[in-house]
């Protein structure tokens, strides 16, 4: 399996200038390859990222000599990324999804970044050495989290005028064996209460946008008043970008802590297959949904826990009584508590939904084989069954 460790960098002025130059070379190579790809397609030829990389290698020394000041991996990786973008585009076309044709990158708008392979950089504890700048190591905030693993590649990017290095390593595949084997939990996600568990626990999101909205509006107005191209406008832009980055970090920190706790505490986790992209289009709820960022939950929990099962998004978990399975169509979005007309049980909407998610998930996912590991803990295999 592959893991990436993101570490903040602290470059000096000379090193920062070199990083900016590398980002510029990567951006130019990507745009050059995209223009060539379009040109070859319009002329009836089949474009290929490998041919474009070879073509750039033959002409860059004469036509673009400033490319020689940075590592040769920078333009090569940029063109490889273009190839991946076209692969995603063609796959989406075949699947009938929104294609998303690759677009040109613009300085100051797209995120500045470049990628190097394992031969073009070295790690020395808390210092990073890059090709063409080996004598001037860049200080890192911490050392690599996986010192025994060999780094495969590194992506250096600038976010809100701060530099980060995302180091990719390969780890041996391993199976997580829980001490509390057989435990399972149902998880319901929402806006008012971000996470509701089937055991009755409720976890509320910090909602940083709601708390910092006034400051965000003030900084946005300040940026709009500055003259384009001026130094004051650049200062205002950095202030606004840092506030956006802070909001993003608060959201990620919250969901990382929640998913880590759930993956370590429970063997089986049952969730709903939510259509977050469709929910966010509701103009009445879009800001609150974006502030809670429930879309972060599923990808995080799926790579942290190998046993996650998502039930059908059309299953009426909120309108079904978890005691007698009575379906109450009168329960609408604004109702937080309701009483079952059949058995008289008073339900909390979110807790009831999480219990139904757990029950439905256990009906769909049934154990078929049990084996013992070396330490005596049981490990189960599961399969999805159809109750219909």
Protein backbone atom coordinates (compact mmCIF):
# COMPACT_ATOMS: atom_id res chain seq x y z
CA UNK A 1 0.00 0.00 0.00
CA UNK A 2 1.02 3.60 -0.52
CA UNK A 3 1.03 6.42 2.01
CA UNK A 4 1.91 10.11 1.77
CA UNK A 5 3.26 12.29 4.55
CA UNK A 6 2.81 16.05 4.13
CA UNK A 7 5.45 18.17 5.87
CA UNK A 8 5.78 21.93 5.95
CA UNK A 9 8.96 23.46 4.51
CA UNK A 10 10.82 26.57 5.66
CA UNK A 11 12.86 27.76 2.65
CA UNK A 12 14.98 30.92 2.69
CA UNK A 13 14.64 33.57 -0.02
CA UNK A 14 17.09 31.88 -2.38
CA UNK A 15 15.45 28.48 -1.95
CA UNK A 16 11.96 29.95 -2.35
CA UNK A 17 13.02 31.56 -5.63
CA UNK A 18 14.24 28.16 -6.86
CA UNK A 19 10.94 26.52 -5.85
CA UNK A 20 8.98 29.21 -7.67
CA UNK A 21 11.12 28.69 -10.76
CA UNK A 22 10.47 24.95 -10.62
CA UNK A 23 6.71 25.58 -10.35
CA UNK A 24 6.94 27.89 -13.38
CA UNK A 25 8.74 25.22 -15.43
CA UNK A 26 6.13 22.63 -14.46
CA UNK A 27 3.29 24.98 -15.40
CA UNK A 28 4.90 25.89 -18.75
CA UNK A 29 5.57 22.22 -19.61
CA UNK A 30 1.97 21.27 -18.82
CA UNK A 31 0.58 24.09 -21.00
CA UNK A 32 3.06 23.34 -23.81
CA UNK A 33 2.08 19.67 -23.85
CA UNK A 34 -1.64 20.49 -23.74
CA UNK A 35 -1.29 22.85 -26.72
CA UNK A 36 0.64 20.19 -28.66
CA UNK A 37 -1.97 17.56 -27.73
CA UNK A 38 -4.78 19.74 -29.11
CA UNK A 39 -2.77 20.53 -32.24
CA UNK A 40 -2.10 16.86 -32.98
CA UNK A 41 -5.72 15.93 -32.30
CA UNK A 42 -7.03 18.60 -34.71
CA UNK A 43 -4.62 17.41 -37.41
CA UNK A 44 -5.89 13.83 -37.07
CA UNK A 45 -2.88 12.40 -35.23
CA UNK A 46 -2.97 10.37 -32.04
CA UNK A 47 -1.31 12.21 -29.15
CA UNK A 48 0.73 10.43 -26.50
CA UNK A 49 2.35 11.84 -23.36
CA UNK A 50 5.46 9.66 -23.82
CA UNK A 51 6.06 11.13 -27.31
CA UNK A 52 5.53 14.65 -25.99
CA UNK A 53 8.11 14.07 -23.25
CA UNK A 54 10.67 12.91 -25.80
CA UNK A 55 9.91 15.88 -28.05
CA UNK A 56 10.39 18.35 -25.21
CA UNK A 57 13.71 16.72 -24.26
CA UNK A 58 15.06 17.22 -27.78
CA UNK A 59 14.18 20.94 -28.05
CA UNK A 60 14.37 22.33 -24.51
CA UNK A 61 18.17 22.83 -24.51
CA UNK A 62 18.01 25.07 -27.61
CA UNK A 63 14.55 26.70 -27.37
CA UNK A 64 14.03 26.79 -23.59
CA UNK A 65 17.50 26.90 -21.98
CA UNK A 66 16.07 28.23 -18.70
CA UNK A 67 14.56 24.78 -18.13
CA UNK A 68 18.07 23.45 -17.49
CA UNK A 69 18.25 25.40 -14.22
CA UNK A 70 15.85 22.98 -12.51
CA UNK A 71 15.65 19.20 -12.26
CA UNK A 72 14.82 17.30 -15.46
CA UNK A 73 12.01 15.52 -13.57
CA UNK A 74 9.99 18.72 -13.22
CA UNK A 75 8.83 19.03 -16.89
CA UNK A 76 8.63 15.25 -17.29
CA UNK A 77 6.31 14.83 -14.28
CA UNK A 78 4.14 17.72 -15.46
CA UNK A 79 3.54 16.02 -18.83
CA UNK A 80 2.83 12.71 -17.05
CA UNK A 81 0.18 14.53 -15.02
CA UNK A 82 -1.36 15.73 -18.28
CA UNK A 83 -1.51 12.12 -19.46
CA UNK A 84 -3.33 11.14 -16.26
CA UNK A 85 -5.75 14.05 -16.76
CA UNK A 86 -6.62 12.79 -20.25
CA UNK A 87 -7.01 9.23 -18.93
CA UNK A 88 -9.54 10.52 -16.41
CA UNK A 89 -11.26 12.51 -19.15
CA UNK A 90 -11.69 9.50 -21.45
CA UNK A 91 -12.79 7.26 -18.56
CA UNK A 92 -15.50 9.76 -17.56
CA UNK A 93 -16.70 9.96 -21.16
CA UNK A 94 -17.07 6.16 -21.32
CA UNK A 95 -18.93 6.08 -17.99
CA UNK A 96 -21.29 8.88 -19.04
CA UNK A 97 -20.07 11.28 -16.37
CA UNK A 98 -19.11 14.92 -16.70
CA UNK A 99 -15.91 14.74 -18.82
CA UNK A 100 -13.78 17.56 -17.36
CA UNK A 101 -11.43 18.32 -20.27
CA UNK A 102 -7.93 19.40 -19.12
CA UNK A 103 -7.47 23.17 -18.99
CA UNK A 104 -4.46 25.43 -19.22
CA UNK A 105 -2.84 26.50 -15.98
CA UNK A 106 -2.53 30.19 -15.19
CA UNK A 107 0.03 31.80 -12.94
CA UNK A 108 -1.43 33.00 -9.66
CA UNK A 109 -4.70 31.08 -10.09
CA UNK A 110 -3.86 27.39 -10.23
CA UNK A 111 -1.98 25.86 -7.32
CA UNK A 112 1.80 26.04 -7.75
CA UNK A 113 3.39 22.59 -7.48
CA UNK A 114 5.93 20.25 -9.05
CA UNK A 115 6.86 16.58 -8.64
CA UNK A 116 10.22 14.81 -8.39
CA UNK A 117 11.06 11.09 -8.46
CA UNK A 118 13.18 9.30 -5.88
CA UNK A 119 16.45 9.95 -7.79
CA UNK A 120 16.03 13.74 -7.70
CA UNK A 121 15.85 14.35 -3.96
CA UNK A 122 17.36 13.19 -0.67
CA UNK A 123 16.08 13.22 2.89
CA UNK A 124 18.49 13.87 5.74
CA UNK A 125 16.52 13.80 8.99
CA UNK A 126 14.71 17.17 8.98
CA UNK A 127 16.35 18.48 5.80
CA UNK A 128 15.40 18.06 2.15
CA UNK A 129 17.91 18.18 -0.70
CA UNK A 130 16.66 18.72 -4.26
CA UNK A 131 18.51 18.17 -7.54
CA UNK A 132 20.25 21.32 -8.82
CA UNK A 133 20.23 22.59 -5.23
CA UNK A 134 21.87 19.78 -3.27
CA UNK A 135 24.29 22.07 -1.45
CA UNK A 136 21.46 24.12 0.09
CA UNK A 137 19.11 21.75 2.01
CA UNK A 138 15.63 23.01 2.86
CA UNK A 139 14.58 22.77 6.49
CA UNK A 140 11.46 20.70 7.22
CA UNK A 141 9.10 20.99 10.19
CA UNK A 142 9.58 17.30 11.07
CA UNK A 143 11.27 14.17 9.81
CA UNK A 144 9.55 11.54 7.66
CA UNK A 145 7.01 9.47 9.55
CA UNK A 146 8.18 6.26 7.85
CA UNK A 147 11.99 6.30 8.17
CA UNK A 148 12.35 2.59 7.32
CA UNK A 149 10.58 3.02 3.93
CA UNK A 150 12.21 4.29 0.78
CA UNK A 151 10.49 7.43 -0.63
CA UNK A 152 9.08 6.96 -4.12
CA UNK A 153 8.31 10.55 -5.10
CA UNK A 154 7.79 13.98 -3.65
CA UNK A 155 5.36 16.76 -4.59
CA UNK A 156 6.24 20.26 -3.44
CA UNK A 157 3.38 22.75 -3.47
CA UNK A 158 2.57 26.25 -2.27
CA UNK A 159 -0.63 26.87 -0.32
CA UNK A 160 -1.44 30.36 0.97
CA UNK A 161 2.21 31.40 0.41
CA UNK A 162 3.41 28.45 2.53
CA UNK A 163 5.43 25.57 1.17
CA UNK A 164 4.67 21.89 1.79
CA UNK A 165 6.27 18.63 0.71
CA UNK A 166 4.09 15.55 0.22
CA UNK A 167 6.38 12.50 0.36
CA UNK A 168 5.00 9.24 -1.04
CA UNK A 169 6.24 5.91 0.32
CA UNK A 170 5.29 2.26 -0.14
CA UNK A 171 4.36 0.17 2.90
CA UNK A 172 3.82 -3.53 3.27
CA UNK A 173 0.18 -4.61 3.19
CA UNK A 174 -1.13 -5.50 6.61
CA UNK A 175 -4.51 -6.42 8.09
CA UNK A 176 -5.72 -4.54 11.12
CA UNK A 177 -6.84 -6.96 13.87
CA UNK A 178 -9.08 -5.32 16.47
CA UNK A 179 -8.94 -6.31 20.09
CA UNK A 180 -12.70 -5.84 20.41
CA UNK A 181 -13.57 -8.24 17.57
CA UNK A 182 -17.10 -8.23 16.24
CA UNK A 183 -18.03 -4.72 17.38
CA UNK A 184 -20.00 -2.67 14.86
CA UNK A 185 -21.47 0.83 14.73
CA UNK A 186 -23.93 2.72 12.57
CA UNK A 187 -23.03 6.29 11.58
CA UNK A 188 -25.50 8.97 10.50
CA UNK A 189 -24.16 12.26 9.11
CA UNK A 190 -25.97 15.56 9.24
CA UNK A 191 -25.74 19.34 9.44
CA UNK A 192 -26.95 20.18 12.95
CA UNK A 193 -25.12 17.18 14.41
CA UNK A 194 -22.21 16.17 12.20
CA UNK A 195 -21.90 12.57 13.44
CA UNK A 196 -24.55 10.53 15.28
CA UNK A 197 -23.64 6.99 16.37
CA UNK A 198 -26.04 4.13 16.92
CA UNK A 199 -25.03 3.96 20.60
CA UNK A 200 -26.58 7.41 21.14
CA UNK A 201 -23.42 9.54 21.02
CA UNK A 202 -23.53 12.83 19.13
CA UNK A 203 -20.51 14.72 17.82
CA UNK A 204 -20.86 18.31 16.65
CA UNK A 205 -18.64 19.90 14.01
CA UNK A 206 -16.65 23.06 14.80
CA UNK A 207 -18.14 24.95 11.76
CA UNK A 208 -15.21 27.34 11.23
CA UNK A 209 -16.81 29.18 8.30
CA UNK A 210 -19.75 30.23 10.45
CA UNK A 211 -17.41 31.60 13.12
CA UNK A 212 -15.05 33.36 10.69
CA UNK A 213 -17.58 34.53 8.10
CA UNK A 214 -17.45 38.15 9.27
CA UNK A 215 -13.65 38.25 8.98
CA UNK A 216 -13.82 36.48 5.62
CA UNK A 217 -16.19 39.12 4.24
CA UNK A 218 -14.00 41.92 5.54
CA UNK A 219 -10.86 40.51 3.91
CA UNK A 220 -12.74 39.87 0.66
CA UNK A 221 -13.90 43.50 0.54
CA UNK A 222 -10.38 44.67 1.31
CA UNK A 223 -9.01 42.62 -1.59
CA UNK A 224 -11.62 43.93 -4.04
CA UNK A 225 -10.67 47.54 -3.24
CA UNK A 226 -6.98 47.10 -4.03
CA UNK A 227 -5.60 48.03 -7.42
CA UNK A 228 -4.83 45.04 -9.61
CA UNK A 229 -1.12 44.33 -9.89
CA UNK A 230 -0.18 46.34 -6.79
CA UNK A 231 1.83 45.03 -3.83
CA UNK A 232 -1.00 45.85 -1.42
CA UNK A 233 -3.35 43.67 -3.45
CA UNK A 234 -0.88 40.78 -3.20
CA UNK A 235 -0.68 41.25 0.59
CA UNK A 236 -4.48 41.24 0.85
CA UNK A 237 -4.67 38.15 -1.35
CA UNK A 238 -2.26 36.27 0.91
CA UNK A 239 -4.25 37.23 4.03
CA UNK A 240 -7.47 35.95 2.47
CA UNK A 241 -5.80 32.75 1.26
CA UNK A 242 -4.41 32.04 4.73
CA UNK A 243 -7.85 32.41 6.28
CA UNK A 244 -9.31 29.97 3.73
CA UNK A 245 -6.47 27.57 4.47
CA UNK A 246 -7.08 27.84 8.21
CA UNK A 247 -10.77 26.99 7.71
CA UNK A 248 -9.79 23.97 5.61
CA UNK A 249 -7.31 22.75 8.25
CA UNK A 250 -9.92 22.97 11.03
CA UNK A 251 -12.34 20.84 9.01
CA UNK A 252 -9.70 18.24 8.12
CA UNK A 253 -8.48 18.05 11.71
CA UNK A 254 -12.01 17.36 12.96
CA UNK A 255 -12.73 14.59 10.47
CA UNK A 256 -9.31 12.99 10.88
CA UNK A 257 -9.86 12.71 14.64
CA UNK A 258 -13.38 11.27 14.24
CA UNK A 259 -12.43 8.71 11.60
CA UNK A 260 -9.32 7.67 13.53
CA UNK A 261 -11.36 7.04 16.68
CA UNK A 262 -14.03 5.05 14.81
CA UNK A 263 -11.53 2.94 12.86
CA UNK A 264 -9.65 1.99 16.03
CA UNK A 265 -12.74 1.34 18.18
CA UNK A 266 -14.98 -0.69 15.85
CA UNK A 267 -14.37 -3.58 13.50
CA UNK A 268 -17.38 -2.91 11.25
CA UNK A 269 -18.63 0.56 10.35
CA UNK A 270 -21.93 1.06 8.55
CA UNK A 271 -22.58 4.34 6.72
CA UNK A 272 -24.97 5.77 4.13
CA UNK A 273 -24.10 6.20 0.45
CA UNK A 274 -24.84 9.94 0.44
CA UNK A 275 -24.99 12.02 -2.73
CA UNK A 276 -23.08 14.98 -1.29
CA UNK A 277 -22.62 16.65 -4.70
CA UNK A 278 -26.39 16.65 -5.18
CA UNK A 279 -27.09 17.83 -1.63
CA UNK A 280 -24.72 20.78 -1.99
CA UNK A 281 -26.82 22.14 -4.89
CA UNK A 282 -29.61 23.03 -2.47
CA UNK A 283 -29.08 26.80 -2.14
CA UNK A 284 -30.76 26.83 1.28
CA UNK A 285 -28.33 24.32 2.80
CA UNK A 286 -25.21 24.62 0.61
CA UNK A 287 -23.22 26.90 2.94
CA UNK A 288 -23.97 24.84 6.06
CA UNK A 289 -23.23 21.59 4.24
CA UNK A 290 -19.92 22.95 2.98
CA UNK A 291 -19.04 24.18 6.46
CA UNK A 292 -19.59 20.74 8.01
CA UNK A 293 -17.88 19.03 5.01
CA UNK A 294 -19.52 15.64 5.43
CA UNK A 295 -18.04 14.66 2.08
CA UNK A 296 -14.65 14.22 3.79
CA UNK A 297 -15.93 11.43 6.03
CA UNK A 298 -16.32 8.52 3.61
CA UNK A 299 -12.93 8.65 1.80
CA UNK A 300 -11.13 9.06 5.14
CA UNK A 301 -12.92 6.20 6.90
CA UNK A 302 -12.52 3.88 3.89
CA UNK A 303 -8.73 4.16 3.77
CA UNK A 304 -8.35 3.99 7.56
CA UNK A 305 -10.66 1.00 8.06
CA UNK A 306 -10.85 -1.95 5.67
CA UNK A 307 -14.34 -2.98 6.84
CA UNK A 308 -16.74 -0.21 5.89
CA UNK A 309 -20.11 -0.96 4.33
CA UNK A 310 -22.36 1.68 2.75
CA UNK A 311 -26.09 1.01 2.55
CA UNK A 312 -28.31 2.23 -0.26
CA UNK A 313 -28.84 6.00 -0.29
CA UNK A 314 -32.58 5.51 -0.88
CA UNK A 315 -33.11 3.50 2.30
CA UNK A 316 -35.49 5.60 4.53
CA UNK A 317 -33.37 5.49 7.69
CA UNK A 318 -34.89 8.64 9.20
CA UNK A 319 -38.53 7.73 8.52
CA UNK A 320 -38.41 4.11 9.72
CA UNK A 321 -39.02 3.20 13.36
CA UNK A 322 -35.98 1.34 14.70
CA UNK A 323 -38.23 -0.56 17.17
CA UNK A 324 -41.09 -1.90 15.04
CA UNK A 325 -39.94 -1.00 11.46
CA UNK A 326 -43.01 1.20 10.88
CA UNK A 327 -42.56 3.63 7.98
CA UNK A 328 -43.74 7.16 8.83
CA UNK A 329 -44.05 9.33 5.74
CA UNK A 330 -44.93 12.42 7.82
CA UNK A 331 -41.31 12.85 8.97
CA UNK A 332 -39.88 15.76 6.96
CA UNK A 333 -36.47 17.45 6.94
CA UNK A 334 -37.20 19.94 9.72
CA UNK A 335 -38.52 17.35 12.21
CA UNK A 336 -35.93 16.48 14.90
CA UNK A 337 -38.14 14.31 17.18
CA UNK A 338 -41.14 12.18 16.29
CA UNK A 339 -43.35 9.53 17.91
CA UNK A 340 -44.08 6.23 16.21
CA UNK A 341 -47.89 5.91 15.66
CA UNK A 342 -47.69 2.12 15.88
CA UNK A 343 -45.58 1.38 18.98
CA UNK A 344 -45.53 4.83 20.60
CA UNK A 345 -41.70 5.07 20.81
CA UNK A 346 -40.34 8.62 20.92
CA UNK A 347 -37.41 8.89 18.50
CA UNK A 348 -34.57 11.32 18.12
CA UNK A 349 -34.34 11.64 14.33
CA UNK A 350 -30.54 11.25 14.07
CA UNK A 351 -30.18 8.49 16.66
CA UNK A 352 -33.04 6.55 15.08
CA UNK A 353 -31.42 6.90 11.64
CA UNK A 354 -28.06 5.60 12.91
CA UNK A 355 -29.76 2.57 14.52
CA UNK A 356 -31.56 1.79 11.25
CA UNK A 357 -28.29 2.13 9.33
CA UNK A 358 -26.68 -0.38 11.69
CA UNK A 359 -29.60 -2.83 11.40
CA UNK A 360 -29.82 -2.57 7.60
CA UNK A 361 -26.05 -2.93 7.24
CA UNK A 362 -26.02 -6.07 9.38
CA UNK A 363 -28.81 -7.55 7.23
CA UNK A 364 -26.86 -6.86 4.04
CA UNK A 365 -23.45 -7.91 5.33
CA UNK A 366 -23.32 -11.36 6.89
CA UNK A 367 -20.24 -13.33 8.06
CA UNK A 368 -19.50 -16.46 6.01
CA UNK A 369 -16.15 -17.65 7.37
CA UNK A 370 -14.29 -17.42 10.67
CA UNK A 371 -10.59 -18.10 11.24
CA UNK A 372 -8.07 -17.55 14.03
CA UNK A 373 -4.88 -15.54 13.71
CA UNK A 374 -1.59 -16.34 15.44
CA UNK A 375 -2.41 -14.25 18.50
CA UNK A 376 -5.77 -16.01 18.98
CA UNK A 377 -7.95 -13.12 17.76
CA UNK A 378 -10.70 -14.01 15.33
CA UNK A 379 -10.74 -12.61 11.83
CA UNK A 380 -13.95 -12.70 9.79
CA UNK A 381 -14.70 -12.55 6.10
CA UNK A 382 -17.95 -11.06 4.86
CA UNK A 383 -20.10 -11.04 1.77
CA UNK A 384 -23.02 -8.90 0.68
CA UNK A 385 -26.33 -10.75 0.51
CA UNK A 386 -29.66 -9.75 -0.99
CA UNK A 387 -32.69 -9.93 1.25
CA UNK A 388 -35.11 -9.44 -1.61
